[in-house]
Amino acid sequence: MKKVALASILVSLGLLGACSQGNSDNSPDKSMKGMKHSSMNMEGMDHSSMNMEGMGDSKMDMSHESMTELKSSLGENELKFPQLLKPEQKNNNSISYTIRAQQGTSEIFKGYKTDTYGYNGDFLGPVIRLEKGMKVKVKLVNDLDEDTTFHWHGLEVPGNEDGGPHKVLKPGESEVIHFTVKQDAATLWFHPHPMHETGKQVFKGLAGLLYIDDKNSQSLNIPKTYGVDDLPIILQDKTFTDNKQLDYDKVMNEDGTTGDTLLINGVVNPKLTVDRKKVRLRILNGSNMRTYTLHFDNDMSFQQIASDGGLLNKPNMTKSVEIAPAERVELIVDLTKVKGNKVSLVNEVNKTILPIHLNGRLNGSKKGQAVKKLNSIKITNEVKNKKVTKSIKLAGMDKEVSINNKKFDPKRIDYTQKQNETEIWEIENVKDPMGGMNHPFHIHGTQFQVISIDGKEPPANLAGLKDTISLKPGQKAKIAVKFTQKGIYMFHCHILEHEDNGMMGQIKVI
């Protein structure tokens, strides 16, 4: 097929100038709904063939992304919350657990048994609660029929306990890890991290939450009763086959797998029924690649009180929040302000994410005093003025993704850094001739601080501790990075298919 003819076809299909998540409002171009990049390789053409005659790169501002359109929740099933995992042993300063990766079946859709993976159960995982200062012992068991790892996302642990792709457990194997919790209160999570298989294993259900509590968080006048007013919300989009199975190989997209069906805590078409009061939503984006921009359908304001690594210094009043893959946010929503008996959490194109039904009338009881100070995170001018010592360039598409023009090599150490020494990393999402896509950049074993984005002070929602930062095409961020533990850690794009395709590097902390 001649290039000029192909250009005419693409224009007629509406593919040229298709929406880019990095260049628009994240809404998919309907002409590209569910379309993989591989479907654009017409008659053996590769992506490089698309620099068409008579068209300079500057005119090719085209998306890499093909985003499956998400269905609205029908609100048919009451939201369930993961169980709190009971420790096998606990005293004043030590605790122990056993975590098993296993396979099973789940009745996600009534009358159907779906093959799933889970931790200590058939699907997803329990919530592990730890306290700052605790000595922790965890026995990890692989009851799957394939290799896996146990990665503690956001937890500051020694490199050999972090559960990256080096720490593979084969089927039937187990190991015991030990660490001491040294960081402040935060909502973290755990998931697998085996090379080339992370996307599939998370898609099939391997994900669980890990909470850290401390004296400060316990003393604050904020909702904190688990499952009553302190509610975990795990967002994951998936596509099911006609017989309601999770066929990852069928739907996998090298540039990030998206689904048409949203699950919250493993529940399809969820709804939340709750008393008319303030609630705390701890939201994890556990999706393979989809970013969610959430707001309420009545346009009401709410408070963001925490990000990845813990509490912000003060509540950030907002009407919407963007959550990229792997990010967490904690919100306080005052449901006493809702007129009527229902309000819905919706996304950027107003698809219903979670209908919330309110019990009873406002009882007129006195409200507690609003919290004005949550934390006391500081970043000094000395740190802000430090020179950049590590530059990270995120680039590419499909299987050709890279960091600094390199693929992951388990035998190569890309950087070294001294323990407890703060360095400035500059992260750039390289905008290419096709427009590019968002890249959520994650570093293992640390919580960093954002100094600037494109030379400007970060917005209030990024002023806390972070382990993942999502950058749009062409954006640059400077972050202050300090590792409190020694070992080898990964840094990578948290679009799971990009990670599986080698968009990852290693740093050794000495």
Protein backbone atom coordinates (compact mmCIF):
# COMPACT_ATOMS: atom_id res chain seq x y z
CA MET A 1 0.00 0.00 0.00
CA LYS A 2 1.39 3.40 -0.93
CA LYS A 3 2.01 5.85 1.86
CA VAL A 4 -0.19 8.58 0.36
CA ALA A 5 -3.06 6.15 0.03
CA LEU A 6 -2.58 5.05 3.61
CA ALA A 7 -2.66 8.67 4.77
CA SER A 8 -6.02 9.17 3.04
CA ILE A 9 -7.42 6.06 4.69
CA LEU A 10 -6.22 7.13 8.12
CA VAL A 11 -7.70 10.59 7.72
CA SER A 12 -11.04 9.11 6.66
CA LEU A 13 -11.02 6.81 9.66
CA GLY A 14 -10.30 9.72 11.97
CA LEU A 15 -7.04 8.21 13.14
CA LEU A 16 -4.84 11.19 12.35
CA GLY A 17 -5.11 13.66 15.20
CA ALA A 18 -6.66 11.06 17.49
CA CYS A 19 -6.92 12.00 21.13
CA SER A 20 -3.81 11.64 23.24
CA GLN A 21 -4.17 11.19 26.93
CA GLY A 22 -1.23 13.51 27.25
CA ASN A 23 -2.75 16.14 24.94
CA SER A 24 -6.44 16.17 25.81
CA ASP A 25 -8.99 15.32 28.44
CA ASN A 26 -8.23 11.58 28.47
CA SER A 27 -11.39 10.72 26.56
CA PRO A 28 -10.88 8.09 23.86
CA ASP A 29 -11.44 8.73 20.18
CA LYS A 30 -14.43 6.52 19.45
CA SER A 31 -12.94 5.51 16.12
CA MET A 32 -10.05 3.93 18.03
CA LYS A 33 -12.13 2.25 20.75
CA GLY A 34 -10.59 -1.06 21.70
CA MET A 35 -8.03 -0.83 18.90
CA LYS A 36 -4.50 -2.06 19.53
CA HIS A 37 -1.46 -0.56 17.88
CA SER A 38 -0.86 -3.88 16.18
CA SER A 39 -4.08 -3.35 14.20
CA MET A 40 -2.47 -0.30 12.59
CA ASN A 41 0.40 -2.29 11.10
CA MET A 42 -1.27 -2.61 7.72
CA GLU A 43 0.23 -5.00 5.18
CA GLY A 44 3.36 -5.52 7.23
CA MET A 45 4.01 -1.83 7.85
CA ASP A 46 5.77 -0.95 11.08
CA HIS A 47 5.21 2.28 12.98
CA SER A 48 8.18 3.92 11.35
CA SER A 49 6.41 3.64 7.99
CA MET A 50 3.88 6.19 9.16
CA ASN A 51 6.14 9.22 8.59
CA MET A 52 4.24 9.82 5.36
CA GLU A 53 5.31 11.64 2.23
CA GLY A 54 4.70 15.33 2.46
CA MET A 55 4.11 15.26 6.20
CA GLY A 56 6.76 16.55 8.59
CA ASP A 57 7.03 15.21 12.10
CA SER A 58 5.60 18.44 13.43
CA LYS A 59 2.28 17.57 11.83
CA MET A 60 2.19 14.09 13.31
CA ASP A 61 0.86 14.82 16.79
CA MET A 62 -0.80 11.43 17.07
CA SER A 63 -1.50 9.34 20.13
CA HIS A 64 0.17 6.06 20.95
CA GLU A 65 -2.76 5.12 23.11
CA SER A 66 -5.84 3.12 22.24
CA MET A 67 -8.15 3.43 25.22
CA THR A 68 -11.03 1.00 25.63
CA GLU A 69 -14.20 2.89 26.50
CA LEU A 70 -15.26 2.27 30.09
CA LYS A 71 -18.84 1.31 30.95
CA SER A 72 -20.68 3.10 33.76
CA SER A 73 -21.37 1.18 36.95
CA LEU A 74 -24.99 0.04 37.02
CA GLY A 75 -24.90 0.12 40.83
CA GLU A 76 -26.28 -3.40 41.18
CA ASN A 77 -23.88 -4.87 43.76
CA GLU A 78 -23.02 -3.55 47.21
CA LEU A 79 -19.36 -2.68 47.58
CA LYS A 80 -17.34 -5.09 49.70
CA PHE A 81 -14.12 -4.31 51.52
CA PRO A 82 -11.07 -6.56 51.80
CA GLN A 83 -10.65 -8.30 55.12
CA LEU A 84 -8.01 -7.10 57.54
CA LEU A 85 -5.38 -9.83 57.70
CA LYS A 86 -5.02 -11.29 61.18
CA PRO A 87 -1.40 -11.52 62.31
CA GLU A 88 -0.04 -14.89 63.33
CA GLN A 89 1.80 -13.23 66.19
CA LYS A 90 1.76 -9.73 67.63
CA ASN A 91 3.22 -8.01 70.68
CA ASN A 92 4.12 -4.45 71.49
CA ASN A 93 6.79 -4.01 68.83
CA SER A 94 6.71 -7.05 66.52
CA ILE A 95 4.22 -8.72 64.22
CA SER A 96 4.23 -11.62 61.76
CA TYR A 97 2.08 -12.63 58.79
CA THR A 98 1.92 -15.26 56.07
CA ILE A 99 1.05 -14.13 52.53
CA ARG A 100 0.20 -16.72 49.87
CA ALA A 101 -0.12 -16.05 46.15
CA GLN A 102 -2.73 -18.49 44.93
CA GLN A 103 -5.20 -19.24 42.18
CA GLY A 104 -8.91 -19.90 42.49
CA THR A 105 -12.32 -18.97 41.13
CA SER A 106 -14.54 -16.00 41.93
CA GLU A 107 -18.21 -15.31 41.22
CA ILE A 108 -17.68 -11.77 39.91
CA PHE A 109 -20.75 -12.13 37.69
CA LYS A 110 -23.74 -13.99 39.12
CA GLY A 111 -23.83 -17.57 37.91
CA TYR A 112 -20.30 -17.55 36.46
CA LYS A 113 -17.05 -18.84 37.93
CA THR A 114 -14.10 -16.73 36.81
CA ASP A 115 -10.56 -18.06 37.13
CA THR A 116 -8.63 -15.55 39.25
CA TYR A 117 -5.48 -15.00 41.29
CA GLY A 118 -5.37 -13.67 44.83
CA TYR A 119 -3.43 -13.33 48.06
CA ASN A 120 -4.73 -15.53 50.89
CA GLY A 121 -7.91 -15.96 48.88
CA ASP A 122 -9.29 -16.32 45.37
CA PHE A 123 -9.19 -12.68 44.22
CA LEU A 124 -7.17 -9.62 45.25
CA GLY A 125 -5.78 -9.61 48.77
CA PRO A 126 -6.41 -8.68 52.39
CA VAL A 127 -5.33 -5.41 53.99
CA ILE A 128 -2.15 -5.65 56.05
CA ARG A 129 -1.90 -3.11 58.90
CA LEU A 130 1.43 -2.14 60.39
CA GLU A 131 2.51 0.49 62.89
CA LYS A 132 5.55 2.72 62.68
CA GLY A 133 8.39 1.24 64.71
CA MET A 134 7.22 -2.36 64.37
CA LYS A 135 9.55 -5.22 63.55
CA VAL A 136 7.84 -7.25 60.85
CA LYS A 137 8.24 -10.87 59.77
CA VAL A 138 6.43 -12.07 56.64
CA LYS A 139 6.43 -15.60 55.26
CA LEU A 140 5.86 -15.46 51.49
CA VAL A 141 4.47 -18.56 49.76
CA ASN A 142 4.01 -19.12 46.03
CA ASP A 143 1.06 -21.47 45.51
CA LEU A 144 0.70 -20.47 41.85
CA ASP A 145 1.67 -22.70 38.92
CA GLU A 146 4.14 -20.04 37.74
CA ASP A 147 6.96 -17.86 39.05
CA THR A 148 6.06 -14.72 40.99
CA THR A 149 7.53 -12.13 43.35
CA PHE A 150 6.09 -10.10 46.24
CA HIS A 151 6.81 -6.38 45.79
CA TRP A 152 6.05 -3.92 48.61
CA HIS A 153 5.11 -0.82 46.64
CA GLY A 154 6.00 2.39 48.52
CA LEU A 155 7.55 0.61 51.50
CA GLU A 156 11.06 1.61 52.53
CA VAL A 157 12.72 -1.77 53.00
CA PRO A 158 16.20 -3.17 52.23
CA GLY A 159 16.68 -4.00 48.56
CA ASN A 160 16.77 -7.75 49.16
CA GLU A 161 13.31 -7.58 50.81
CA ASP A 162 11.71 -5.33 48.18
CA GLY A 163 10.46 -8.11 45.89
CA GLY A 164 11.65 -6.86 42.52
CA PRO A 165 12.23 -9.12 39.50
CA HIS A 166 15.40 -10.60 41.06
CA LYS A 167 13.49 -12.11 43.98
CA VAL A 168 11.59 -14.81 42.10
CA LEU A 169 9.77 -17.55 43.98
CA LYS A 170 9.10 -20.63 41.87
CA PRO A 171 5.89 -22.65 42.29
CA GLY A 172 5.81 -24.23 45.74
CA GLU A 173 8.69 -22.14 47.08
CA SER A 174 8.56 -19.88 50.14
CA GLU A 175 10.82 -17.44 51.95
CA VAL A 176 10.76 -15.29 55.06
CA ILE A 177 11.57 -11.58 55.02
CA HIS A 178 12.20 -9.20 57.94
CA PHE A 179 12.07 -5.41 58.11
CA THR A 180 11.36 -2.59 60.54
CA VAL A 181 8.72 0.02 59.70
CA LYS A 182 10.44 3.41 59.79
CA GLN A 183 8.11 5.61 57.76
CA ASP A 184 5.05 7.62 58.73
CA ALA A 185 1.40 6.70 58.23
CA ALA A 186 0.59 5.90 54.60
CA THR A 187 -1.57 3.83 52.27
CA LEU A 188 0.75 1.49 50.35
CA TRP A 189 0.16 -1.72 48.42
CA PHE A 190 1.73 -5.01 47.36
CA HIS A 191 1.72 -6.80 44.02
CA PRO A 192 3.83 -9.16 41.89
CA HIS A 193 6.86 -8.00 39.92
CA PRO A 194 8.17 -10.95 37.82
CA MET A 195 9.83 -9.91 34.56
CA HIS A 196 7.46 -10.06 31.56
CA GLU A 197 4.55 -11.36 33.70
CA THR A 198 3.61 -8.46 36.00
CA GLY A 199 0.81 -7.16 33.76
CA LYS A 200 -0.88 -10.55 33.51
CA GLN A 201 -0.62 -11.40 37.21
CA VAL A 202 -2.02 -8.05 38.37
CA PHE A 203 -4.76 -8.25 35.71
CA LYS A 204 -5.77 -11.66 37.06
CA GLY A 205 -6.05 -10.32 40.61
CA LEU A 206 -2.76 -10.11 42.50
CA ALA A 207 -2.99 -6.82 44.42
CA GLY A 208 -3.48 -5.95 48.08
CA LEU A 209 -3.34 -2.91 50.35
CA LEU A 210 -0.85 -2.22 53.14
CA TYR A 211 -1.59 0.45 55.74
CA ILE A 212 0.95 2.07 58.04
CA ASP A 213 -0.39 3.76 61.16
CA ASP A 214 1.45 6.12 63.50
CA LYS A 215 0.68 8.22 66.57
CA ASN A 216 0.04 11.35 64.54
CA SER A 217 -2.51 9.75 62.21
CA GLN A 218 -4.26 8.06 65.12
CA SER A 219 -4.59 11.37 66.99
CA LEU A 220 -6.17 13.31 64.12
CA ASN A 221 -9.89 14.03 64.00
CA ILE A 222 -10.43 12.23 60.70
CA PRO A 223 -12.49 9.13 59.84
CA LYS A 224 -10.51 6.04 60.86
CA THR A 225 -12.91 3.13 61.46
CA TYR A 226 -12.07 0.55 58.82
CA GLY A 227 -15.00 -0.42 56.60
CA VAL A 228 -17.34 2.05 58.31
CA ASP A 229 -16.07 5.54 57.51
CA ASP A 230 -12.49 4.69 56.43
CA LEU A 231 -13.03 2.89 53.13
CA PRO A 232 -10.50 1.24 50.78
CA ILE A 233 -11.25 1.73 47.07
CA ILE A 234 -9.19 -0.38 44.62
CA LEU A 235 -9.89 0.68 41.01
CA GLN A 236 -9.18 -1.83 38.23
CA ASP A 237 -10.51 -1.93 34.69
CA LYS A 238 -10.78 -5.30 32.96
CA THR A 239 -12.29 -6.95 29.89
CA PHE A 240 -14.05 -10.29 30.24
CA THR A 241 -14.72 -12.92 27.58
CA ASP A 242 -18.28 -14.00 26.73
CA ASN A 243 -18.03 -16.70 29.40
CA LYS A 244 -16.77 -14.10 31.92
CA GLN A 245 -13.11 -15.10 32.00
CA LEU A 246 -10.05 -12.84 32.29
CA ASP A 247 -8.23 -13.72 29.06
CA TYR A 248 -5.19 -11.45 29.34
CA ASP A 249 -3.50 -12.76 26.20
CA LYS A 250 -6.58 -11.85 24.17
CA VAL A 251 -6.87 -8.25 25.36
CA MET A 252 -3.22 -7.44 26.13
CA ASN A 253 -1.94 -4.23 24.55
CA GLU A 254 1.83 -3.63 24.45
CA ASP A 255 1.21 0.06 25.19
CA GLY A 256 -0.97 -0.67 28.20
CA THR A 257 -3.97 -2.91 28.67
CA THR A 258 -7.33 -1.29 29.33
CA GLY A 259 -10.73 -2.86 29.92
CA ASP A 260 -14.35 -1.87 29.44
CA THR A 261 -15.51 -3.08 32.87
CA LEU A 262 -14.54 -1.36 36.11
CA LEU A 263 -14.17 -3.39 39.29
CA ILE A 264 -13.90 -1.77 42.72
CA ASN A 265 -12.44 -4.12 45.32
CA GLY A 266 -13.26 -6.90 42.87
CA VAL A 267 -16.96 -5.94 42.70
CA VAL A 268 -18.57 -5.37 39.28
CA ASN A 269 -21.25 -2.66 38.93
CA PRO A 270 -20.63 -1.53 42.51
CA LYS A 271 -22.62 0.82 44.72
CA LEU A 272 -21.89 2.13 48.20
CA THR A 273 -24.61 2.49 50.81
CA VAL A 274 -23.47 4.60 53.74
CA ASP A 275 -24.75 6.91 56.46
CA ARG A 276 -24.87 10.63 55.75
CA LYS A 277 -21.55 11.64 57.30
CA LYS A 278 -17.91 12.33 56.50
CA VAL A 279 -16.12 9.39 54.93
CA ARG A 280 -12.48 8.78 54.09
CA LEU A 281 -11.82 7.14 50.72
CA ARG A 282 -8.38 5.54 50.35
CA ILE A 283 -8.17 5.12 46.59
CA LEU A 284 -5.60 2.94 44.84
CA ASN A 285 -5.35 2.92 41.06
CA GLY A 286 -4.53 -0.77 40.59
CA SER A 287 -5.14 -0.71 36.83
CA ASN A 288 -2.54 -1.79 34.29
CA MET A 289 -2.47 1.58 32.51
CA ARG A 290 -5.69 3.61 32.81
CA THR A 291 -5.58 7.00 34.54
CA TYR A 292 -8.74 8.20 36.29
CA THR A 293 -9.77 11.82 36.83
CA LEU A 294 -12.48 11.65 39.46
CA HIS A 295 -15.12 14.12 40.56
CA PHE A 296 -18.72 14.02 41.82
CA ASP A 297 -21.72 14.40 39.55
CA ASN A 298 -23.06 17.22 41.73
CA ASP A 299 -19.74 19.10 41.37
CA MET A 300 -19.19 19.21 45.13
CA SER A 301 -15.82 19.90 46.72
CA PHE A 302 -13.90 17.46 48.87
CA GLN A 303 -10.55 17.33 50.66
CA GLN A 304 -7.48 15.42 49.59
CA ILE A 305 -5.55 14.65 52.78
CA ALA A 306 -2.86 12.24 51.55
CA SER A 307 -0.95 11.02 48.52
CA ASP A 308 1.29 7.99 47.89
CA GLY A 309 3.61 8.34 50.87
CA GLY A 310 1.27 9.70 53.50
CA LEU A 311 -0.52 12.75 54.80
CA LEU A 312 -0.20 16.17 53.17
CA ASN A 313 0.70 19.06 55.45
CA LYS A 314 -2.84 20.38 55.23
CA PRO A 315 -6.05 19.32 53.46
CA ASN A 316 -6.25 20.33 49.81
CA MET A 317 -9.79 21.41 48.89
CA THR A 318 -10.60 20.41 45.32
CA LYS A 319 -13.39 19.27 43.01
CA SER A 320 -11.42 16.66 41.08
CA VAL A 321 -8.40 14.42 41.48
CA GLU A 322 -6.27 12.61 38.89
CA ILE A 323 -4.92 9.18 39.81
CA ALA A 324 -2.41 7.47 37.52
CA PRO A 325 -1.58 3.75 37.70
CA ALA A 326 -0.04 2.81 41.09
CA GLU A 327 -0.85 6.16 42.72
CA ARG A 328 -2.88 6.47 45.90
CA VAL A 329 -4.92 9.35 47.24
CA GLU A 330 -6.89 9.74 50.45
CA LEU A 331 -10.01 11.89 50.31
CA ILE A 332 -12.41 13.13 52.95
CA VAL A 333 -15.88 13.57 51.50
CA ASP A 334 -18.56 15.35 53.54
CA LEU A 335 -21.75 13.53 52.57
CA THR A 336 -23.83 15.74 54.86
CA LYS A 337 -23.66 18.35 52.10
CA VAL A 338 -25.43 16.16 49.56
CA LYS A 339 -28.98 17.20 48.65
CA GLY A 340 -31.10 14.14 48.08
CA ASN A 341 -30.21 10.54 48.79
CA LYS A 342 -27.66 9.80 46.08
CA VAL A 343 -24.43 11.15 44.63
CA SER A 344 -22.04 9.46 42.22
CA LEU A 345 -18.31 9.46 41.80
CA VAL A 346 -17.65 9.83 38.06
CA ASN A 347 -14.64 10.01 35.76
CA GLU A 348 -13.39 12.58 33.27
CA VAL A 349 -16.02 11.65 30.66
CA ASN A 350 -18.74 11.35 33.31
CA LYS A 351 -18.92 7.57 33.36
CA THR A 352 -20.29 6.45 36.71
CA ILE A 353 -17.51 4.97 38.83
CA LEU A 354 -19.36 4.55 42.13
CA PRO A 355 -22.99 5.45 42.96
CA ILE A 356 -23.25 6.39 46.66
CA HIS A 357 -26.64 5.91 48.36
CA LEU A 358 -27.17 7.76 51.62
CA ASN A 359 -29.02 6.33 54.60
CA GLY A 360 -31.35 8.55 56.61
CA ARG A 361 -31.44 12.27 57.18
CA LEU A 362 -28.79 14.48 58.71
CA ASN A 363 -29.28 14.07 62.44
CA GLY A 364 -28.15 17.58 63.31
CA SER A 365 -25.41 16.40 65.65
CA LYS A 366 -22.47 18.69 66.24
CA LYS A 367 -19.68 18.46 63.73
CA GLY A 368 -16.13 17.95 64.89
CA GLN A 369 -13.67 20.75 64.40
CA ALA A 370 -12.13 20.67 60.93
CA VAL A 371 -8.52 19.53 60.78
CA LYS A 372 -6.24 22.28 59.49
CA LYS A 373 -2.83 20.66 60.01
CA LEU A 374 -2.09 17.06 59.11
CA ASN A 375 1.66 16.79 58.80
CA SER A 376 4.94 18.74 58.83
CA ILE A 377 6.86 17.68 55.73
CA LYS A 378 9.63 20.08 54.82
CA ILE A 379 11.93 20.58 51.87
CA THR A 380 14.79 23.00 52.43
CA ASN A 381 16.08 25.62 50.04
CA GLU A 382 19.41 23.81 50.15
CA VAL A 383 17.78 20.71 48.68
CA LYS A 384 15.74 22.72 46.16
CA ASN A 385 18.91 24.41 44.90
CA LYS A 386 20.93 21.24 44.48
CA LYS A 387 22.13 20.40 40.99
CA VAL A 388 20.59 17.54 39.03
CA THR A 389 22.74 14.41 39.39
CA LYS A 390 20.54 11.86 37.64
CA SER A 391 18.61 12.40 34.40
CA ILE A 392 15.89 9.97 33.34
CA LYS A 393 14.38 10.09 29.85
CA LEU A 394 11.22 8.05 29.33
CA ALA A 395 10.57 7.33 25.66
CA GLY A 396 9.22 4.94 23.04
CA MET A 397 6.10 2.94 22.38
CA ASP A 398 4.94 -0.66 22.29
CA LYS A 399 7.89 -3.02 22.73
CA GLU A 400 10.35 -0.23 21.90
CA VAL A 401 9.94 1.63 25.19
CA SER A 402 13.14 2.61 26.96
CA ILE A 403 14.73 4.64 29.73
CA ASN A 404 17.72 6.67 28.56
CA ASN A 405 17.59 4.67 25.30
CA LYS A 406 18.18 1.43 27.18
CA LYS A 407 16.16 -1.66 27.98
CA PHE A 408 16.26 -3.30 31.39
CA ASP A 409 19.27 -5.57 31.93
CA PRO A 410 19.29 -7.41 35.27
CA LYS A 411 23.10 -7.51 35.14
CA ARG A 412 23.47 -3.75 34.64
CA ILE A 413 23.44 -1.15 37.44
CA ASP A 414 22.36 2.16 35.89
CA TYR A 415 23.08 4.39 38.89
CA THR A 416 24.50 4.34 42.38
CA GLN A 417 23.53 6.56 45.32
CA LYS A 418 24.64 6.78 48.93
CA GLN A 419 22.26 5.78 51.69
CA ASN A 420 20.54 8.78 53.38
CA GLU A 421 21.97 11.23 50.85
CA THR A 422 19.46 13.38 48.96
CA GLU A 423 20.01 13.75 45.22
CA ILE A 424 18.01 15.56 42.57
CA TRP A 425 16.65 13.48 39.73
CA GLU A 426 15.22 15.06 36.59
CA ILE A 427 12.53 12.95 34.95
CA GLU A 428 11.55 13.78 31.36
CA ASN A 429 8.72 12.28 29.36
CA VAL A 430 10.10 12.66 25.85
CA LYS A 431 7.47 13.90 23.41
CA ASP A 432 7.89 12.16 20.09
CA PRO A 433 6.49 12.84 16.59
CA MET A 434 3.31 10.89 17.39
CA GLY A 435 2.52 12.97 20.47
CA GLY A 436 3.50 10.50 23.13
CA MET A 437 1.58 9.28 26.15
CA ASN A 438 1.55 9.66 29.90
CA HIS A 439 4.20 7.73 31.82
CA PRO A 440 3.74 7.13 35.57
CA PHE A 441 7.32 6.91 36.86
CA HIS A 442 7.92 4.84 40.00
CA ILE A 443 10.99 4.32 42.18
CA HIS A 444 11.21 1.36 44.55
CA GLY A 445 12.32 1.66 48.17
CA THR A 446 11.81 5.40 48.65
CA GLN A 447 9.31 8.22 49.00
CA PHE A 448 10.49 11.30 47.10
CA GLN A 449 9.48 14.96 47.09
CA VAL A 450 8.52 16.88 43.97
CA ILE A 451 10.55 20.09 43.62
CA SER A 452 9.16 21.33 40.32
CA ILE A 453 7.27 20.42 37.16
CA ASP A 454 8.42 22.27 34.05
CA GLY A 455 10.28 24.67 36.31
CA LYS A 456 7.21 25.58 38.36
CA GLU A 457 6.35 24.76 41.95
CA PRO A 458 4.20 21.61 42.09
CA PRO A 459 0.47 21.88 42.78
CA ALA A 460 -0.80 21.25 46.30
CA ASN A 461 -1.76 17.63 45.62
CA LEU A 462 1.89 16.82 44.81
CA ALA A 463 3.35 18.56 47.85
CA GLY A 464 3.48 15.38 49.92
CA LEU A 465 5.64 12.28 49.72
CA LYS A 466 5.40 10.36 46.46
CA ASP A 467 6.69 7.12 44.99
CA THR A 468 5.01 7.56 41.60
CA ILE A 469 4.71 10.67 39.44
CA SER A 470 2.78 10.78 36.19
CA LEU A 471 4.18 13.00 33.46
CA LYS A 472 2.47 14.07 30.27
CA PRO A 473 4.38 14.13 26.96
CA GLY A 474 7.05 16.82 27.04
CA GLN A 475 6.89 17.38 30.79
CA LYS A 476 9.94 17.46 33.06
CA ALA A 477 9.97 17.06 36.81
CA LYS A 478 12.70 17.52 39.39
CA ILE A 479 12.38 15.29 42.43
CA ALA A 480 14.41 15.00 45.64
CA VAL A 481 15.28 11.34 46.23
CA LYS A 482 16.71 9.81 49.41
CA PHE A 483 17.03 6.12 50.18
CA THR A 484 16.99 5.16 53.84
CA GLN A 485 17.93 1.54 53.14
CA LYS A 486 20.69 -0.17 51.16
CA GLY A 487 20.34 -2.52 48.24
CA ILE A 488 19.37 -2.67 44.58
CA TYR A 489 16.08 -1.05 43.58
CA MET A 490 14.09 -0.72 40.36
CA PHE A 491 12.85 2.47 38.75
CA HIS A 492 10.38 2.15 35.90
CA CYS A 493 7.21 3.20 34.13
CA HIS A 494 4.21 1.79 36.00
CA ILE A 495 2.22 1.07 32.87
CA LEU A 496 2.63 -2.63 33.53
CA GLU A 497 3.12 -3.63 29.90
CA HIS A 498 5.87 -1.01 29.54
CA GLU A 499 7.54 -2.41 32.65
CA ASP A 500 7.24 -5.93 31.23
CA ASN A 501 8.76 -4.72 27.96
CA GLY A 502 11.89 -3.45 29.72
CA MET A 503 11.10 0.21 30.52
CA MET A 504 13.03 -0.18 33.75
CA GLY A 505 16.44 0.49 35.29
CA GLN A 506 18.34 -0.26 38.48
CA ILE A 507 19.97 1.81 41.17
CA LYS A 508 22.32 0.46 43.81
CA VAL A 509 22.22 2.21 47.17
CA ILE A 510 25.54 1.88 48.99
